[in-house]
N, C-alpha and C. Protein backbone atom coordinates (compact mmCIF):
# COMPACT_ATOMS: atom_id res chain seq x y z
N MET A 1 -10.02 0.94 -13.98
CA MET A 1 -8.69 1.39 -14.36
C MET A 1 -7.89 1.73 -13.10
N GLU A 2 -6.70 1.22 -13.04
CA GLU A 2 -5.82 1.50 -11.91
C GLU A 2 -4.97 2.73 -12.26
N TYR A 3 -4.98 3.70 -11.38
CA TYR A 3 -4.22 4.94 -11.60
C TYR A 3 -2.83 4.84 -11.02
N LYS A 4 -1.94 5.68 -11.53
CA LYS A 4 -0.59 5.80 -10.96
C LYS A 4 -0.50 7.21 -10.40
N PHE A 5 -0.37 7.31 -9.09
CA PHE A 5 -0.28 8.61 -8.43
C PHE A 5 1.17 8.95 -8.16
N THR A 6 1.53 10.19 -8.50
CA THR A 6 2.89 10.69 -8.30
C THR A 6 2.82 12.06 -7.63
N ALA A 7 3.97 12.58 -7.26
CA ALA A 7 4.02 13.92 -6.69
C ALA A 7 3.47 14.94 -7.67
N ASP A 8 3.65 14.69 -8.96
CA ASP A 8 3.20 15.63 -9.98
C ASP A 8 1.68 15.66 -10.16
N ASN A 9 1.01 14.52 -9.96
CA ASN A 9 -0.43 14.50 -10.23
C ASN A 9 -1.29 14.28 -8.98
N PHE A 10 -0.69 14.15 -7.81
CA PHE A 10 -1.43 13.81 -6.59
C PHE A 10 -2.50 14.84 -6.27
N GLU A 11 -2.16 16.09 -6.35
CA GLU A 11 -3.12 17.17 -6.06
C GLU A 11 -4.37 17.03 -6.93
N LYS A 12 -4.18 16.90 -8.22
CA LYS A 12 -5.30 16.83 -9.16
C LYS A 12 -6.05 15.50 -9.07
N GLU A 13 -5.32 14.39 -9.08
CA GLU A 13 -5.94 13.07 -9.16
C GLU A 13 -6.52 12.56 -7.84
N VAL A 14 -5.95 13.00 -6.72
CA VAL A 14 -6.41 12.50 -5.42
C VAL A 14 -7.13 13.59 -4.63
N LEU A 15 -6.46 14.68 -4.36
CA LEU A 15 -7.04 15.70 -3.49
C LEU A 15 -8.20 16.45 -4.12
N GLN A 16 -8.22 16.58 -5.44
CA GLN A 16 -9.30 17.28 -6.12
C GLN A 16 -10.27 16.32 -6.82
N ALA A 17 -10.17 15.06 -6.54
CA ALA A 17 -11.03 14.06 -7.20
C ALA A 17 -12.49 14.27 -6.81
N SER A 18 -13.38 14.00 -7.75
CA SER A 18 -14.81 14.16 -7.52
C SER A 18 -15.43 12.95 -6.82
N MET A 19 -14.66 11.89 -6.68
CA MET A 19 -15.14 10.69 -5.98
C MET A 19 -14.09 10.27 -4.96
N PRO A 20 -14.45 9.37 -4.04
CA PRO A 20 -13.45 8.88 -3.08
C PRO A 20 -12.29 8.19 -3.81
N VAL A 21 -11.12 8.21 -3.17
CA VAL A 21 -9.91 7.66 -3.76
C VAL A 21 -9.23 6.72 -2.77
N MET A 22 -8.74 5.58 -3.29
CA MET A 22 -7.91 4.69 -2.48
C MET A 22 -6.51 4.72 -3.06
N VAL A 23 -5.54 5.08 -2.23
CA VAL A 23 -4.15 5.11 -2.64
C VAL A 23 -3.42 3.95 -1.97
N ASP A 24 -2.80 3.12 -2.79
CA ASP A 24 -1.97 2.02 -2.31
C ASP A 24 -0.53 2.52 -2.32
N PHE A 25 -0.02 2.87 -1.14
CA PHE A 25 1.38 3.26 -1.02
C PHE A 25 2.19 1.97 -0.95
N TYR A 26 3.11 1.80 -1.89
CA TYR A 26 3.81 0.53 -2.04
C TYR A 26 5.24 0.74 -2.52
N SER A 27 5.98 -0.37 -2.61
CA SER A 27 7.30 -0.38 -3.21
C SER A 27 7.43 -1.69 -3.99
N ASP A 28 8.13 -1.65 -5.11
CA ASP A 28 8.34 -2.85 -5.91
C ASP A 28 9.18 -3.89 -5.18
N ARG A 29 9.98 -3.46 -4.21
CA ARG A 29 10.86 -4.39 -3.50
C ARG A 29 10.20 -5.01 -2.27
N CYS A 30 8.95 -4.62 -2.00
CA CYS A 30 8.20 -5.10 -0.83
C CYS A 30 7.36 -6.31 -1.24
N MET A 31 7.65 -7.46 -0.66
CA MET A 31 6.93 -8.69 -1.03
C MET A 31 5.43 -8.64 -0.68
N PRO A 32 5.03 -8.16 0.50
CA PRO A 32 3.59 -8.04 0.76
C PRO A 32 2.91 -7.08 -0.23
N CYS A 33 3.62 -6.03 -0.63
CA CYS A 33 3.07 -5.09 -1.62
C CYS A 33 2.83 -5.81 -2.94
N ARG A 34 3.80 -6.61 -3.33
CA ARG A 34 3.68 -7.35 -4.59
C ARG A 34 2.53 -8.34 -4.53
N ALA A 35 2.32 -8.94 -3.38
CA ALA A 35 1.21 -9.88 -3.21
C ALA A 35 -0.13 -9.17 -3.36
N MET A 36 -0.19 -7.89 -2.98
CA MET A 36 -1.43 -7.12 -3.06
C MET A 36 -1.72 -6.58 -4.46
N MET A 37 -0.73 -6.56 -5.34
CA MET A 37 -0.91 -5.95 -6.66
C MET A 37 -2.11 -6.49 -7.44
N PRO A 38 -2.28 -7.82 -7.57
CA PRO A 38 -3.44 -8.29 -8.32
C PRO A 38 -4.77 -7.97 -7.64
N ILE A 39 -4.77 -7.90 -6.31
CA ILE A 39 -5.99 -7.56 -5.57
C ILE A 39 -6.37 -6.11 -5.83
N VAL A 40 -5.40 -5.22 -5.76
CA VAL A 40 -5.65 -3.80 -6.01
C VAL A 40 -6.11 -3.59 -7.46
N GLU A 41 -5.48 -4.29 -8.37
CA GLU A 41 -5.86 -4.19 -9.78
C GLU A 41 -7.31 -4.63 -9.98
N LYS A 42 -7.71 -5.70 -9.33
CA LYS A 42 -9.09 -6.22 -9.44
C LYS A 42 -10.08 -5.22 -8.83
N LEU A 43 -9.73 -4.65 -7.69
CA LEU A 43 -10.60 -3.65 -7.06
C LEU A 43 -10.78 -2.44 -7.96
N ALA A 44 -9.71 -2.04 -8.63
CA ALA A 44 -9.80 -0.89 -9.54
C ALA A 44 -10.85 -1.15 -10.62
N GLU A 45 -10.89 -2.37 -11.13
CA GLU A 45 -11.88 -2.74 -12.15
C GLU A 45 -13.29 -2.77 -11.55
N GLU A 46 -13.43 -3.41 -10.41
CA GLU A 46 -14.75 -3.59 -9.81
C GLU A 46 -15.38 -2.30 -9.30
N TYR A 47 -14.57 -1.34 -8.89
CA TYR A 47 -15.09 -0.10 -8.33
C TYR A 47 -15.05 1.07 -9.33
N GLU A 48 -14.78 0.77 -10.58
CA GLU A 48 -14.71 1.80 -11.64
C GLU A 48 -15.97 2.68 -11.57
N GLY A 49 -15.76 3.98 -11.53
CA GLY A 49 -16.88 4.93 -11.50
C GLY A 49 -17.41 5.23 -10.11
N LYS A 50 -16.98 4.47 -9.09
CA LYS A 50 -17.43 4.70 -7.72
C LYS A 50 -16.29 5.10 -6.79
N LEU A 51 -15.11 4.49 -7.05
CA LEU A 51 -13.93 4.71 -6.23
C LEU A 51 -12.72 4.72 -7.15
N LYS A 52 -11.95 5.78 -7.08
CA LYS A 52 -10.73 5.85 -7.88
C LYS A 52 -9.65 5.08 -7.12
N VAL A 53 -9.08 4.08 -7.76
CA VAL A 53 -8.10 3.20 -7.12
C VAL A 53 -6.77 3.35 -7.83
N GLY A 54 -5.72 3.59 -7.07
CA GLY A 54 -4.41 3.72 -7.68
C GLY A 54 -3.28 3.45 -6.72
N LYS A 55 -2.07 3.53 -7.27
CA LYS A 55 -0.86 3.19 -6.52
C LYS A 55 0.09 4.38 -6.50
N CYS A 56 0.85 4.45 -5.43
CA CYS A 56 1.89 5.47 -5.31
C CYS A 56 3.15 4.77 -4.81
N ASN A 57 4.17 4.75 -5.65
CA ASN A 57 5.44 4.11 -5.30
C ASN A 57 6.20 5.01 -4.32
N THR A 58 6.41 4.50 -3.12
CA THR A 58 7.05 5.32 -2.10
C THR A 58 8.53 5.57 -2.37
N ASP A 59 9.16 4.68 -3.12
CA ASP A 59 10.57 4.89 -3.48
C ASP A 59 10.73 6.05 -4.45
N GLU A 60 9.75 6.21 -5.32
CA GLU A 60 9.80 7.27 -6.34
C GLU A 60 9.15 8.57 -5.86
N ASN A 61 8.36 8.49 -4.80
CA ASN A 61 7.62 9.66 -4.30
C ASN A 61 7.79 9.79 -2.80
N MET A 62 9.05 9.89 -2.38
CA MET A 62 9.37 9.93 -0.96
C MET A 62 8.73 11.11 -0.24
N GLN A 63 8.60 12.24 -0.95
CA GLN A 63 8.00 13.42 -0.32
C GLN A 63 6.53 13.19 0.01
N LEU A 64 5.80 12.45 -0.82
CA LEU A 64 4.41 12.12 -0.52
C LEU A 64 4.33 11.15 0.65
N ALA A 65 5.20 10.16 0.65
CA ALA A 65 5.23 9.19 1.74
C ALA A 65 5.51 9.91 3.06
N ALA A 66 6.41 10.85 3.04
CA ALA A 66 6.73 11.61 4.25
C ALA A 66 5.56 12.51 4.66
N ALA A 67 4.94 13.16 3.70
CA ALA A 67 3.83 14.07 3.98
C ALA A 67 2.65 13.34 4.64
N TYR A 68 2.43 12.09 4.24
CA TYR A 68 1.32 11.31 4.79
C TYR A 68 1.77 10.30 5.85
N ARG A 69 3.01 10.46 6.30
CA ARG A 69 3.59 9.66 7.39
C ARG A 69 3.47 8.16 7.14
N ILE A 70 3.83 7.76 5.93
CA ILE A 70 3.82 6.34 5.58
C ILE A 70 5.09 5.72 6.14
N SER A 71 4.95 4.87 7.15
CA SER A 71 6.12 4.26 7.77
C SER A 71 6.20 2.76 7.49
N SER A 72 5.09 2.17 7.09
CA SER A 72 5.05 0.74 6.74
C SER A 72 4.28 0.59 5.44
N ILE A 73 4.71 -0.38 4.64
CA ILE A 73 4.00 -0.62 3.39
C ILE A 73 3.68 -2.10 3.27
N PRO A 74 2.60 -2.45 2.60
CA PRO A 74 1.68 -1.54 1.94
C PRO A 74 0.80 -0.79 2.95
N THR A 75 0.49 0.45 2.61
CA THR A 75 -0.48 1.26 3.34
C THR A 75 -1.56 1.66 2.36
N PHE A 76 -2.79 1.43 2.76
CA PHE A 76 -3.95 1.81 1.95
C PHE A 76 -4.60 3.00 2.61
N MET A 77 -4.60 4.14 1.90
CA MET A 77 -5.17 5.36 2.45
C MET A 77 -6.36 5.76 1.58
N PHE A 78 -7.49 5.95 2.24
CA PHE A 78 -8.72 6.37 1.55
C PHE A 78 -8.92 7.87 1.74
N PHE A 79 -9.16 8.56 0.65
CA PHE A 79 -9.40 10.00 0.66
C PHE A 79 -10.83 10.27 0.23
N LYS A 80 -11.44 11.26 0.89
CA LYS A 80 -12.78 11.69 0.52
C LYS A 80 -12.81 13.20 0.66
N ASN A 81 -13.27 13.88 -0.38
CA ASN A 81 -13.29 15.34 -0.39
C ASN A 81 -11.91 15.94 -0.10
N GLY A 82 -10.87 15.29 -0.62
CA GLY A 82 -9.52 15.81 -0.51
C GLY A 82 -8.82 15.58 0.81
N LYS A 83 -9.46 14.82 1.70
CA LYS A 83 -8.85 14.59 3.02
C LYS A 83 -8.77 13.09 3.30
N PRO A 84 -7.70 12.67 3.99
CA PRO A 84 -7.60 11.25 4.37
C PRO A 84 -8.74 10.87 5.32
N GLU A 85 -9.46 9.82 4.99
CA GLU A 85 -10.59 9.35 5.80
C GLU A 85 -10.24 8.12 6.62
N ALA A 86 -9.40 7.26 6.05
CA ALA A 86 -9.05 6.01 6.74
C ALA A 86 -7.71 5.51 6.24
N VAL A 87 -6.98 4.83 7.13
CA VAL A 87 -5.66 4.28 6.79
C VAL A 87 -5.60 2.85 7.30
N TYR A 88 -5.15 1.95 6.42
CA TYR A 88 -4.99 0.54 6.78
C TYR A 88 -3.61 0.10 6.35
N ILE A 89 -2.91 -0.57 7.24
CA ILE A 89 -1.52 -0.97 6.99
C ILE A 89 -1.44 -2.49 6.90
N GLY A 90 -0.72 -2.95 5.88
CA GLY A 90 -0.44 -4.38 5.76
C GLY A 90 -1.27 -5.07 4.70
N ALA A 91 -0.75 -6.21 4.28
CA ALA A 91 -1.44 -7.02 3.29
C ALA A 91 -2.69 -7.62 3.92
N MET A 92 -3.71 -7.83 3.08
CA MET A 92 -4.97 -8.41 3.56
C MET A 92 -5.67 -9.13 2.42
N GLU A 93 -6.65 -9.91 2.76
CA GLU A 93 -7.46 -10.60 1.76
C GLU A 93 -8.29 -9.59 0.98
N LYS A 94 -8.65 -9.96 -0.23
CA LYS A 94 -9.45 -9.08 -1.09
C LYS A 94 -10.76 -8.68 -0.40
N GLU A 95 -11.42 -9.64 0.24
CA GLU A 95 -12.71 -9.36 0.88
C GLU A 95 -12.57 -8.32 1.99
N GLU A 96 -11.47 -8.37 2.72
CA GLU A 96 -11.24 -7.41 3.80
C GLU A 96 -11.04 -6.00 3.22
N LEU A 97 -10.26 -5.90 2.16
CA LEU A 97 -10.03 -4.60 1.53
C LEU A 97 -11.34 -4.07 0.92
N GLN A 98 -12.14 -4.96 0.37
CA GLN A 98 -13.44 -4.56 -0.19
C GLN A 98 -14.34 -3.98 0.91
N LYS A 99 -14.36 -4.60 2.09
CA LYS A 99 -15.17 -4.10 3.19
C LYS A 99 -14.73 -2.69 3.59
N LYS A 100 -13.43 -2.47 3.58
CA LYS A 100 -12.89 -1.16 3.93
C LYS A 100 -13.28 -0.12 2.88
N ALA A 101 -13.23 -0.52 1.61
CA ALA A 101 -13.63 0.37 0.52
C ALA A 101 -15.12 0.68 0.61
N ASP A 102 -15.92 -0.34 0.87
CA ASP A 102 -17.37 -0.14 0.97
C ASP A 102 -17.73 0.80 2.12
N ALA A 103 -16.97 0.75 3.20
CA ALA A 103 -17.23 1.63 4.35
C ALA A 103 -17.02 3.09 3.98
N ILE A 104 -16.11 3.36 3.06
CA ILE A 104 -15.84 4.73 2.62
C ILE A 104 -16.95 5.24 1.70
N LEU A 105 -17.46 4.31 0.89
CA LEU A 105 -18.52 4.67 -0.05
C LEU A 105 -19.84 4.83 0.69
């Protein structure tokens, strides 16, 4: 299941999560972000129960984007125990994103 992270639920869904979390900071108007959408959706299915995978629209959640210094999108930020563990910027192949997710697990 792919989650939708917002300013209202970020604390509970990401920072207090019992498992590692991958947040895809994106925008609907960003073409590389749109290209990553099916890949992120597939990862959410494949990592169900091991890694919480979701998206955060930077246009709708500017305060979160600013708080985590998101300057380019897509940005994939992995959280573990409520803290950012790794950050990857830019579109990539599914296999590359999987390797990054596996490294967190």
